[in-house]
Amino acid sequence: MISLRPILLPALMAAAAIAPAPAQTAADYARYSTYTAPRPQGQNVNGMRIFLFGGLKSHGPGAHDYPHWLDTWSKLLTEHGAVVDGGLSFPSQEQLDRSEVVIIYKGDAGYMTPAQRARLQAYVKRGGGLVTFHDSLCGPDPADMATLVGAGKKHGEVNYTWTATLDYNAVDKDNPIIAGMPMEIYDEAFFKLNFAPEVHPILTVTMPDTPSARKGGGVGQTIPQMWTYEHTLPGGQPARAFVWMQGHMVDSLEDPAIRKVLMRGIAWAGKHPLGELADYVPPPPAPAPQVPR
């Protein structure tokens, strides 16, 4: 008996290629807006809503690895009970509308288009929280950045130590945000910061004698490197920002003790209980379904 399968299969495939299924129109697709999207595994759907704004890697191995941070911290914060969104592009209006805290870890994030600046200012005006790490507050106008996060750093100025051993001085020793914080760290510190008057310093560093600090005239200056900032933009709601100037090295952001401190700062900026992220205990896993015998 001769099989027709070798003859029919190519013919059927050719017919399918000739008559593809029609593409869905916007009206066809609209019905999906009523569907409930599946929940990401392990997500606490009632958690703090956080947007991570990262950038492209800008330094050598082990430094300024913004994409690595975006990857690891999206997982970390999800595991600690947050609802996380993020990307390498400036958040959209829809993303800002959904967020309680925007965390920025991106070189020179002070460079924004007028539309982006207006979106971010409107987000802060309605009381949205901001958190920045390392050189994210660097840009063309440090005084303007200071209105959003409490300080700004002028791009192009020598205002950094480069990497060095930094000794923290706890200005606000009793602040629960810094419980367990290492008081010595190998990273980079900054001077020549333009501060807003409402800034509340938590940790300062006296600038060590490094070639760049010498060149910029910062050796021996004691400058805040971690602070909180509470303010209200004209006509707006009270807003908060938490800033940590270190994070040049990947290792700093992966230190378990530092991560707990930063998570408390994030919770503070979002007006949530300080331990909501750092001390989050996930619910026990659901029992496995019983297979009938």
C-alpha atoms as a PDB file:
ATOM      1  CA  MET A   1       0.000   0.000   0.000  1.00  0.00           C
ATOM      2  CA  ILE A   2       1.346   3.401  -0.998  1.00  0.00           C
ATOM      3  CA  SER A   3       1.219   6.093   1.719  1.00  0.00           C
ATOM      4  CA  LEU A   4      -0.123   9.481   0.624  1.00  0.00           C
ATOM      5  CA  ARG A   5       1.469  11.222   3.652  1.00  0.00           C
ATOM      6  CA  PRO A   6       4.690  12.331   1.849  1.00  0.00           C
ATOM      7  CA  ILE A   7       2.534  13.844  -0.917  1.00  0.00           C
ATOM      8  CA  LEU A   8      -0.217  15.432   1.205  1.00  0.00           C
ATOM      9  CA  LEU A   9       1.938  16.981   3.972  1.00  0.00           C
ATOM     10  CA  PRO A  10       3.872  19.403   1.718  1.00  0.00           C
ATOM     11  CA  ALA A  11       0.625  20.356   0.001  1.00  0.00           C
ATOM     12  CA  LEU A  12      -1.077  21.101   3.311  1.00  0.00           C
ATOM     13  CA  MET A  13       1.915  23.114   4.505  1.00  0.00           C
ATOM     14  CA  ALA A  14       1.936  25.124   1.277  1.00  0.00           C
ATOM     15  CA  ALA A  15      -1.787  25.851   1.646  1.00  0.00           C
ATOM     16  CA  ALA A  16      -1.255  27.058   5.212  1.00  0.00           C
ATOM     17  CA  ALA A  17       1.540  29.361   4.042  1.00  0.00           C
ATOM     18  CA  ILE A  18      -0.665  30.779   1.284  1.00  0.00           C
ATOM     19  CA  ALA A  19      -3.636  31.483   3.595  1.00  0.00           C
ATOM     20  CA  PRO A  20      -2.308  32.699   6.964  1.00  0.00           C
ATOM     21  CA  ALA A  21      -4.716  33.405   9.797  1.00  0.00           C
ATOM     22  CA  PRO A  22      -5.848  37.051   9.769  1.00  0.00           C
ATOM     23  CA  ALA A  23      -4.091  39.320  12.256  1.00  0.00           C
ATOM     24  CA  GLN A  24      -6.101  40.469  15.245  1.00  0.00           C
ATOM     25  CA  THR A  25      -7.342  44.027  15.182  1.00  0.00           C
ATOM     26  CA  ALA A  26      -7.316  46.351  18.180  1.00  0.00           C
ATOM     27  CA  ALA A  27     -11.011  45.603  18.638  1.00  0.00           C
ATOM     28  CA  ASP A  28     -10.320  41.850  18.623  1.00  0.00           C
ATOM     29  CA  TYR A  29      -7.578  42.259  21.189  1.00  0.00           C
ATOM     30  CA  ALA A  30      -9.567  44.528  23.481  1.00  0.00           C
ATOM     31  CA  ARG A  31     -11.332  41.582  25.103  1.00  0.00           C
ATOM     32  CA  TYR A  32      -8.051  40.547  26.738  1.00  0.00           C
ATOM     33  CA  SER A  33      -8.128  43.674  28.922  1.00  0.00           C
ATOM     34  CA  THR A  34     -10.777  41.934  31.038  1.00  0.00           C
ATOM     35  CA  TYR A  35      -8.514  38.942  31.689  1.00  0.00           C
ATOM     36  CA  THR A  36      -6.573  38.571  34.944  1.00  0.00           C
ATOM     37  CA  ALA A  37      -2.868  38.221  34.188  1.00  0.00           C
ATOM     38  CA  PRO A  38      -1.102  35.312  35.902  1.00  0.00           C
ATOM     39  CA  ARG A  39       0.768  36.334  39.041  1.00  0.00           C
ATOM     40  CA  PRO A  40       4.563  36.056  38.874  1.00  0.00           C
ATOM     41  CA  GLN A  41       5.754  33.171  41.006  1.00  0.00           C
ATOM     42  CA  GLY A  42       6.439  34.254  44.581  1.00  0.00           C
ATOM     43  CA  GLN A  43       5.122  37.803  44.148  1.00  0.00           C
ATOM     44  CA  ASN A  44       3.353  39.475  47.031  1.00  0.00           C
ATOM     45  CA  VAL A  45       0.638  41.242  45.048  1.00  0.00           C
ATOM     46  CA  ASN A  46      -0.103  43.610  47.929  1.00  0.00           C
ATOM     47  CA  GLY A  47       3.540  44.679  48.335  1.00  0.00           C
ATOM     48  CA  MET A  48       5.193  48.059  47.887  1.00  0.00           C
ATOM     49  CA  ARG A  49       5.244  49.070  44.230  1.00  0.00           C
ATOM     50  CA  ILE A  50       8.807  49.840  43.151  1.00  0.00           C
ATOM     51  CA  PHE A  51      10.302  50.888  39.811  1.00  0.00           C
ATOM     52  CA  LEU A  52      14.026  50.253  39.187  1.00  0.00           C
ATOM     53  CA  PHE A  53      15.584  52.673  36.708  1.00  0.00           C
ATOM     54  CA  GLY A  54      18.999  51.382  35.611  1.00  0.00           C
ATOM     55  CA  GLY A  55      21.539  52.254  32.957  1.00  0.00           C
ATOM     56  CA  LEU A  56      24.160  50.668  30.744  1.00  0.00           C
ATOM     57  CA  LYS A  57      27.424  49.556  32.348  1.00  0.00           C
ATOM     58  CA  SER A  58      29.928  52.412  32.229  1.00  0.00           C
ATOM     59  CA  HIS A  59      33.091  51.189  34.034  1.00  0.00           C
ATOM     60  CA  GLY A  60      35.401  48.185  34.145  1.00  0.00           C
ATOM     61  CA  PRO A  61      34.854  44.833  35.856  1.00  0.00           C
ATOM     62  CA  GLY A  62      33.106  45.020  39.211  1.00  0.00           C
ATOM     63  CA  ALA A  63      32.089  48.687  38.958  1.00  0.00           C
ATOM     64  CA  HIS A  64      29.034  50.659  37.794  1.00  0.00           C
ATOM     65  CA  ASP A  65      27.292  47.472  36.726  1.00  0.00           C
ATOM     66  CA  TYR A  66      23.816  48.928  36.473  1.00  0.00           C
ATOM     67  CA  PRO A  67      22.354  46.032  34.401  1.00  0.00           C
ATOM     68  CA  HIS A  68      23.617  43.506  36.963  1.00  0.00           C
ATOM     69  CA  TRP A  69      21.943  45.549  39.714  1.00  0.00           C
ATOM     70  CA  LEU A  70      18.700  45.694  37.755  1.00  0.00           C
ATOM     71  CA  ASP A  71      18.721  41.910  37.427  1.00  0.00           C
ATOM     72  CA  THR A  72      19.720  41.035  40.988  1.00  0.00           C
ATOM     73  CA  TRP A  73      17.695  43.700  42.791  1.00  0.00           C
ATOM     74  CA  SER A  74      14.491  42.993  40.861  1.00  0.00           C
ATOM     75  CA  LYS A  75      14.739  39.432  42.182  1.00  0.00           C
ATOM     76  CA  LEU A  76      15.855  40.535  45.660  1.00  0.00           C
ATOM     77  CA  LEU A  77      13.019  43.018  46.161  1.00  0.00           C
ATOM     78  CA  THR A  78      10.442  40.585  44.791  1.00  0.00           C
ATOM     79  CA  GLU A  79      11.688  37.980  47.278  1.00  0.00           C
ATOM     80  CA  HIS A  80      11.300  40.643  49.974  1.00  0.00           C
ATOM     81  CA  GLY A  81       7.654  41.271  49.219  1.00  0.00           C
ATOM     82  CA  ALA A  82       7.698  44.121  46.680  1.00  0.00           C
ATOM     83  CA  VAL A  83       5.921  44.399  43.348  1.00  0.00           C
ATOM     84  CA  VAL A  84       8.777  45.321  41.007  1.00  0.00           C
ATOM     85  CA  ASP A  85       8.908  46.919  37.572  1.00  0.00           C
ATOM     86  CA  GLY A  86      11.904  48.485  35.876  1.00  0.00           C
ATOM     87  CA  GLY A  87      14.141  48.886  32.893  1.00  0.00           C
ATOM     88  CA  LEU A  88      17.002  50.756  31.237  1.00  0.00           C
ATOM     89  CA  SER A  89      14.671  53.432  29.880  1.00  0.00           C
ATOM     90  CA  PHE A  90      13.104  56.372  31.688  1.00  0.00           C
ATOM     91  CA  PRO A  91       9.814  55.258  33.285  1.00  0.00           C
ATOM     92  CA  SER A  92       6.655  56.019  31.361  1.00  0.00           C
ATOM     93  CA  GLN A  93       3.765  57.976  32.832  1.00  0.00           C
ATOM     94  CA  GLU A  94       1.862  54.732  33.320  1.00  0.00           C
ATOM     95  CA  GLN A  95       4.807  53.174  35.179  1.00  0.00           C
ATOM     96  CA  LEU A  96       5.185  56.232  37.409  1.00  0.00           C
ATOM     97  CA  ASP A  97       1.455  56.196  38.142  1.00  0.00           C
ATOM     98  CA  ARG A  98       1.799  52.629  39.431  1.00  0.00           C
ATOM     99  CA  SER A  99       4.905  53.297  41.563  1.00  0.00           C
ATOM    100  CA  GLU A 100       5.332  54.290  45.186  1.00  0.00           C
ATOM    101  CA  VAL A 101       9.134  54.416  44.998  1.00  0.00           C
ATOM    102  CA  VAL A 102      11.453  54.933  42.021  1.00  0.00           C
ATOM    103  CA  ILE A 103      15.018  53.727  42.619  1.00  0.00           C
ATOM    104  CA  ILE A 104      17.648  55.185  40.286  1.00  0.00           C
ATOM    105  CA  TYR A 105      21.031  53.546  39.782  1.00  0.00           C
ATOM    106  CA  LYS A 106      22.272  55.001  36.528  1.00  0.00           C
ATOM    107  CA  GLY A 107      25.183  57.224  35.705  1.00  0.00           C
ATOM    108  CA  ASP A 108      24.316  60.904  35.242  1.00  0.00           C
ATOM    109  CA  ALA A 109      20.569  60.442  35.627  1.00  0.00           C
ATOM    110  CA  GLY A 110      20.260  64.209  36.029  1.00  0.00           C
ATOM    111  CA  TYR A 111      20.326  64.438  32.243  1.00  0.00           C
ATOM    112  CA  MET A 112      16.627  64.342  31.349  1.00  0.00           C
ATOM    113  CA  THR A 113      14.561  65.677  28.491  1.00  0.00           C
ATOM    114  CA  PRO A 114      12.091  68.424  29.431  1.00  0.00           C
ATOM    115  CA  ALA A 115       9.240  65.895  29.146  1.00  0.00           C
ATOM    116  CA  GLN A 116      11.024  63.389  31.398  1.00  0.00           C
ATOM    117  CA  ARG A 117      11.847  66.086  33.957  1.00  0.00           C
ATOM    118  CA  ALA A 118       8.210  67.202  34.007  1.00  0.00           C
ATOM    119  CA  ARG A 119       7.008  63.613  34.526  1.00  0.00           C
ATOM    120  CA  LEU A 120       9.422  63.035  37.397  1.00  0.00           C
ATOM    121  CA  GLN A 121       8.562  66.349  39.031  1.00  0.00           C
ATOM    122  CA  ALA A 122       4.829  65.555  38.790  1.00  0.00           C
ATOM    123  CA  TYR A 123       5.513  62.152  40.377  1.00  0.00           C
ATOM    124  CA  VAL A 124       7.341  63.791  43.299  1.00  0.00           C
ATOM    125  CA  LYS A 125       4.671  66.495  43.551  1.00  0.00           C
ATOM    126  CA  ARG A 126       2.001  63.876  44.187  1.00  0.00           C
ATOM    127  CA  GLY A 127       4.180  62.419  46.974  1.00  0.00           C
ATOM    128  CA  GLY A 128       6.092  59.684  45.143  1.00  0.00           C
ATOM    129  CA  GLY A 129       9.305  58.449  46.773  1.00  0.00           C
ATOM    130  CA  LEU A 130      12.760  58.630  45.190  1.00  0.00           C
ATOM    131  CA  VAL A 131      15.894  56.634  46.028  1.00  0.00           C
ATOM    132  CA  THR A 132      19.249  57.160  44.332  1.00  0.00           C
ATOM    133  CA  PHE A 133      22.512  55.271  44.605  1.00  0.00           C
ATOM    134  CA  HIS A 134      26.007  56.506  43.737  1.00  0.00           C
ATOM    135  CA  ASP A 135      26.326  58.956  40.819  1.00  0.00           C
ATOM    136  CA  SER A 136      22.657  58.880  39.829  1.00  0.00           C
ATOM    137  CA  LEU A 137      22.229  62.474  41.059  1.00  0.00           C
ATOM    138  CA  CYS A 138      24.958  63.732  38.733  1.00  0.00           C
ATOM    139  CA  GLY A 139      23.904  65.992  35.868  1.00  0.00           C
ATOM    140  CA  PRO A 140      24.075  69.446  34.306  1.00  0.00           C
ATOM    141  CA  ASP A 141      22.168  71.290  37.061  1.00  0.00           C
ATOM    142  CA  PRO A 142      22.940  70.129  40.619  1.00  0.00           C
ATOM    143  CA  ALA A 143      20.686  72.771  42.186  1.00  0.00           C
ATOM    144  CA  ASP A 144      17.715  71.418  40.245  1.00  0.00           C
ATOM    145  CA  MET A 145      18.507  67.811  41.180  1.00  0.00           C
ATOM    146  CA  ALA A 146      18.688  68.915  44.818  1.00  0.00           C
ATOM    147  CA  THR A 147      15.008  69.885  44.691  1.00  0.00           C
ATOM    148  CA  LEU A 148      14.141  66.246  43.965  1.00  0.00           C
ATOM    149  CA  VAL A 149      16.571  64.170  46.062  1.00  0.00           C
ATOM    150  CA  GLY A 150      18.218  66.667  48.401  1.00  0.00           C
ATOM    151  CA  ALA A 151      21.514  67.153  46.554  1.00  0.00           C
ATOM    152  CA  GLY A 152      23.048  67.232  43.123  1.00  0.00           C
ATOM    153  CA  LYS A 153      26.514  66.750  41.653  1.00  0.00           C
ATOM    154  CA  LYS A 154      27.859  68.673  38.663  1.00  0.00           C
ATOM    155  CA  HIS A 155      28.924  66.477  35.760  1.00  0.00           C
ATOM    156  CA  GLY A 156      32.517  67.067  34.652  1.00  0.00           C
ATOM    157  CA  GLU A 157      33.858  68.336  37.977  1.00  0.00           C
ATOM    158  CA  VAL A 158      36.519  66.401  39.868  1.00  0.00           C
ATOM    159  CA  ASN A 159      34.387  65.799  42.938  1.00  0.00           C
ATOM    160  CA  TYR A 160      35.185  62.198  43.819  1.00  0.00           C
ATOM    161  CA  THR A 161      37.797  60.171  45.657  1.00  0.00           C
ATOM    162  CA  TRP A 162      37.843  57.344  43.141  1.00  0.00           C
ATOM    163  CA  THR A 163      38.034  54.036  45.023  1.00  0.00           C
ATOM    164  CA  ALA A 164      39.438  54.106  48.544  1.00  0.00           C
ATOM    165  CA  THR A 165      38.757  52.775  52.013  1.00  0.00           C
ATOM    166  CA  LEU A 166      36.011  54.969  53.460  1.00  0.00           C
ATOM    167  CA  ASP A 167      35.307  55.316  57.179  1.00  0.00           C
ATOM    168  CA  TYR A 168      31.731  56.257  57.959  1.00  0.00           C
ATOM    169  CA  ASN A 169      30.824  58.617  60.755  1.00  0.00           C
ATOM    170  CA  ALA A 170      27.259  58.097  61.991  1.00  0.00           C
ATOM    171  CA  VAL A 171      25.818  61.587  62.412  1.00  0.00           C
ATOM    172  CA  ASP A 172      22.435  60.134  63.378  1.00  0.00           C
ATOM    173  CA  LYS A 173      23.594  57.120  65.407  1.00  0.00           C
ATOM    174  CA  ASP A 174      20.101  56.166  66.565  1.00  0.00           C
ATOM    175  CA  ASN A 175      18.531  56.151  63.129  1.00  0.00           C
ATOM    176  CA  PRO A 176      17.087  52.628  62.691  1.00  0.00           C
ATOM    177  CA  ILE A 177      17.753  52.703  58.954  1.00  0.00           C
ATOM    178  CA  ILE A 178      21.494  52.120  59.527  1.00  0.00           C
ATOM    179  CA  ALA A 179      21.257  49.269  62.048  1.00  0.00           C
ATOM    180  CA  GLY A 180      24.049  46.803  61.205  1.00  0.00           C
ATOM    181  CA  MET A 181      25.682  49.066  58.619  1.00  0.00           C
ATOM    182  CA  PRO A 182      29.416  48.365  58.123  1.00  0.00           C
ATOM    183  CA  MET A 183      31.345  51.444  59.200  1.00  0.00           C
ATOM    184  CA  GLU A 184      34.186  50.805  56.741  1.00  0.00           C
ATOM    185  CA  ILE A 185      33.735  50.208  53.040  1.00  0.00           C
ATOM    186  CA  TYR A 186      35.950  50.102  49.949  1.00  0.00           C
ATOM    187  CA  ASP A 187      34.150  52.320  47.468  1.00  0.00           C
ATOM    188  CA  GLU A 188      34.004  55.890  46.172  1.00  0.00           C
ATOM    189  CA  ALA A 189      32.894  59.033  48.031  1.00  0.00           C
ATOM    190  CA  PHE A 190      31.883  62.455  46.712  1.00  0.00           C
ATOM    191  CA  PHE A 191      32.349  66.094  47.644  1.00  0.00           C
ATOM    192  CA  LYS A 192      31.248  69.360  45.949  1.00  0.00           C
ATOM    193  CA  LEU A 193      27.610  68.386  46.389  1.00  0.00           C
ATOM    194  CA  ASN A 194      24.892  71.019  46.159  1.00  0.00           C
ATOM    195  CA  PHE A 195      22.592  70.346  49.149  1.00  0.00           C
ATOM    196  CA  ALA A 196      19.026  71.397  49.823  1.00  0.00           C
ATOM    197  CA  PRO A 197      18.538  72.865  53.329  1.00  0.00           C
ATOM    198  CA  GLU A 198      16.063  70.144  54.395  1.00  0.00           C
ATOM    199  CA  VAL A 199      18.581  67.293  54.005  1.00  0.00           C
ATOM    200  CA  HIS A 200      19.014  65.147  57.114  1.00  0.00           C
ATOM    201  CA  PRO A 201      22.508  63.543  57.082  1.00  0.00           C
ATOM    202  CA  ILE A 202      22.818  60.007  58.467  1.00  0.00           C
ATOM    203  CA  LEU A 203      26.378  59.002  57.473  1.00  0.00           C
ATOM    204  CA  THR A 204      29.303  61.228  56.543  1.00  0.00           C
ATOM    205  CA  VAL A 205      32.812  60.488  55.249  1.00  0.00           C
ATOM    206  CA  THR A 206      35.956  62.565  55.693  1.00  0.00           C
ATOM    207  CA  MET A 207      37.530  62.490  52.243  1.00  0.00           C
ATOM    208  CA  PRO A 208      40.717  60.393  52.188  1.00  0.00           C
ATOM    209  CA  ASP A 209      43.893  61.572  50.494  1.00  0.00           C
ATOM    210  CA  THR A 210      43.608  60.165  46.966  1.00  0.00           C
ATOM    211  CA  PRO A 211      44.953  61.667  43.706  1.00  0.00           C
ATOM    212  CA  SER A 212      41.486  62.700  42.522  1.00  0.00           C
ATOM    213  CA  ALA A 213      40.475  64.135  45.911  1.00  0.00           C
ATOM    214  CA  ARG A 214      43.715  66.113  45.923  1.00  0.00           C
ATOM    215  CA  LYS A 215      43.058  67.377  42.395  1.00  0.00           C
ATOM    216  CA  GLY A 216      39.516  68.433  43.281  1.00  0.00           C
ATOM    217  CA  GLY A 217      40.479  69.979  46.621  1.00  0.00           C
ATOM    218  CA  GLY A 218      38.358  67.628  48.698  1.00  0.00           C
ATOM    219  CA  VAL A 219      40.937  65.978  50.982  1.00  0.00           C
ATOM    220  CA  GLY A 220      39.870  66.286  54.610  1.00  0.00           C
ATOM    221  CA  GLN A 221      36.361  67.579  53.914  1.00  0.00           C
ATOM    222  CA  THR A 222      33.585  65.803  55.813  1.00  0.00           C
ATOM    223  CA  ILE A 223      30.582  65.356  53.516  1.00  0.00           C
ATOM    224  CA  PRO A 224      27.232  63.526  53.933  1.00  0.00           C
ATOM    225  CA  GLN A 225      27.155  60.262  51.972  1.00  0.00           C
ATOM    226  CA  MET A 226      23.785  58.929  53.167  1.00  0.00           C
ATOM    227  CA  TRP A 227      20.780  61.087  53.946  1.00  0.00           C
ATOM    228  CA  THR A 228      17.024  61.390  54.052  1.00  0.00           C
ATOM    229  CA  TYR A 229      15.121  64.279  52.522  1.00  0.00           C
ATOM    230  CA  GLU A 230      11.542  65.272  53.309  1.00  0.00           C
ATOM    231  CA  HIS A 231      10.032  68.124  51.348  1.00  0.00           C
ATOM    232  CA  THR A 232       6.916  69.354  49.573  1.00  0.00           C
ATOM    233  CA  LEU A 233       6.996  70.838  46.103  1.00  0.00           C
ATOM    234  CA  PRO A 234       4.799  73.931  45.666  1.00  0.00           C
ATOM    235  CA  GLY A 235       1.160  72.857  45.509  1.00  0.00           C
ATOM    236  CA  GLY A 236       2.064  69.215  46.077  1.00  0.00           C
ATOM    237  CA  GLN A 237       1.999  66.470  48.686  1.00  0.00           C
ATOM    238  CA  PRO A 238       4.827  65.672  51.152  1.00  0.00           C
ATOM    239  CA  ALA A 239       7.502  63.539  49.458  1.00  0.00           C
ATOM    240  CA  ARG A 240      10.571  61.654  50.611  1.00  0.00           C
ATOM    241  CA  ALA A 241      13.949  60.750  49.130  1.00  0.00           C
ATOM    242  CA  PHE A 242      16.671  58.448  50.444  1.00  0.00           C
ATOM    243  CA  VAL A 243      20.198  58.728  49.026  1.00  0.00           C
ATOM    244  CA  TRP A 244      23.336  56.609  49.377  1.00  0.00           C
ATOM    245  CA  MET A 245      26.371  57.925  47.527  1.00  0.00           C
ATOM    246  CA  GLN A 246      28.298  54.661  47.429  1.00  0.00           C
ATOM    247  CA  GLY A 247      27.692  51.748  45.068  1.00  0.00           C
ATOM    248  CA  HIS A 248      30.652  52.275  42.740  1.00  0.00           C
ATOM    249  CA  MET A 249      31.605  48.647  43.413  1.00  0.00           C
ATOM    250  CA  VAL A 250      29.225  45.745  42.753  1.00  0.00           C
ATOM    251  CA  ASP A 251      30.386  44.153  46.018  1.00  0.00           C
ATOM    252  CA  SER A 252      28.932  47.044  48.029  1.00  0.00           C
ATOM    253  CA  LEU A 253      25.455  46.434  46.641  1.00  0.00           C
ATOM    254  CA  GLU A 254      25.734  42.702  47.300  1.00  0.00           C
ATOM    255  CA  ASP A 255      26.798  42.961  50.945  1.00  0.00           C
ATOM    256  CA  PRO A 256      23.904  41.433  52.962  1.00  0.00           C
ATOM    257  CA  ALA A 257      24.194  43.988  55.785  1.00  0.00           C
ATOM    258  CA  ILE A 258      24.216  46.944  53.366  1.00  0.00           C
ATOM    259  CA  ARG A 259      21.277  45.494  51.464  1.00  0.00           C
ATOM    260  CA  LYS A 260      19.204  45.493  54.656  1.00  0.00           C
ATOM    261  CA  VAL A 261      20.088  49.136  55.292  1.00  0.00           C
ATOM    262  CA  LEU A 262      19.148  50.113  51.746  1.00  0.00           C
ATOM    263  CA  MET A 263      15.871  48.215  51.923  1.00  0.00           C
ATOM    264  CA  ARG A 264      14.973  50.136  55.082  1.00  0.00           C
ATOM    265  CA  GLY A 265      15.786  53.378  53.270  1.00  0.00           C
ATOM    266  CA  ILE A 266      13.588  52.338  50.357  1.00  0.00           C
ATOM    267  CA  ALA A 267      10.701  51.532  52.697  1.00  0.00           C
ATOM    268  CA  TRP A 268      11.164  54.900  54.422  1.00  0.00           C
ATOM    269  CA  ALA A 269      11.052  56.744  51.085  1.00  0.00           C
ATOM    270  CA  GLY A 270       7.819  54.916  50.259  1.00  0.00           C
ATOM    271  CA  LYS A 271       6.245  55.835  53.632  1.00  0.00           C
ATOM    272  CA  HIS A 272       6.016  52.175  54.588  1.00  0.00           C
ATOM    273  CA  PRO A 273       7.163  50.530  57.841  1.00  0.00           C
ATOM    274  CA  LEU A 274      10.969  50.409  57.906  1.00  0.00           C
ATOM    275  CA  GLY A 275      11.143  46.624  58.192  1.00  0.00           C
ATOM    276  CA  GLU A 276       8.584  45.855  55.507  1.00  0.00           C
ATOM    277  CA  LEU A 277      11.213  44.784  52.972  1.00  0.00           C
ATOM    278  CA  ALA A 278      14.267  43.982  55.107  1.00  0.00           C
ATOM    279  CA  ASP A 279      12.338  41.752  57.527  1.00  0.00           C
ATOM    280  CA  TYR A 280       9.818  40.315  55.080  1.00  0.00           C
ATOM    281  CA  VAL A 281       8.802  36.729  55.776  1.00  0.00           C
ATOM    282  CA  PRO A 282       7.122  35.051  52.786  1.00  0.00           C
ATOM    283  CA  PRO A 283       4.025  32.981  53.426  1.00  0.00           C
ATOM    284  CA  PRO A 284       4.523  29.216  53.634  1.00  0.00           C
ATOM    285  CA  PRO A 285       4.215  27.430  50.308  1.00  0.00           C
ATOM    286  CA  ALA A 286       0.828  26.034  49.480  1.00  0.00           C
ATOM    287  CA  PRO A 287       0.515  22.313  50.230  1.00  0.00           C
ATOM    288  CA  ALA A 288       1.009  20.051  47.256  1.00  0.00           C
ATOM    289  CA  PRO A 289      -2.262  18.772  45.800  1.00  0.00           C
ATOM    290  CA  GLN A 290      -3.169  15.281  46.922  1.00  0.00           C
ATOM    291  CA  VAL A 291      -3.161  12.812  44.068  1.00  0.00           C
ATOM    292  CA  PRO A 292      -6.020  10.313  44.437  1.00  0.00           C
ATOM    293  CA  ARG A 293      -4.931   6.715  44.590  1.00  0.00           C
END
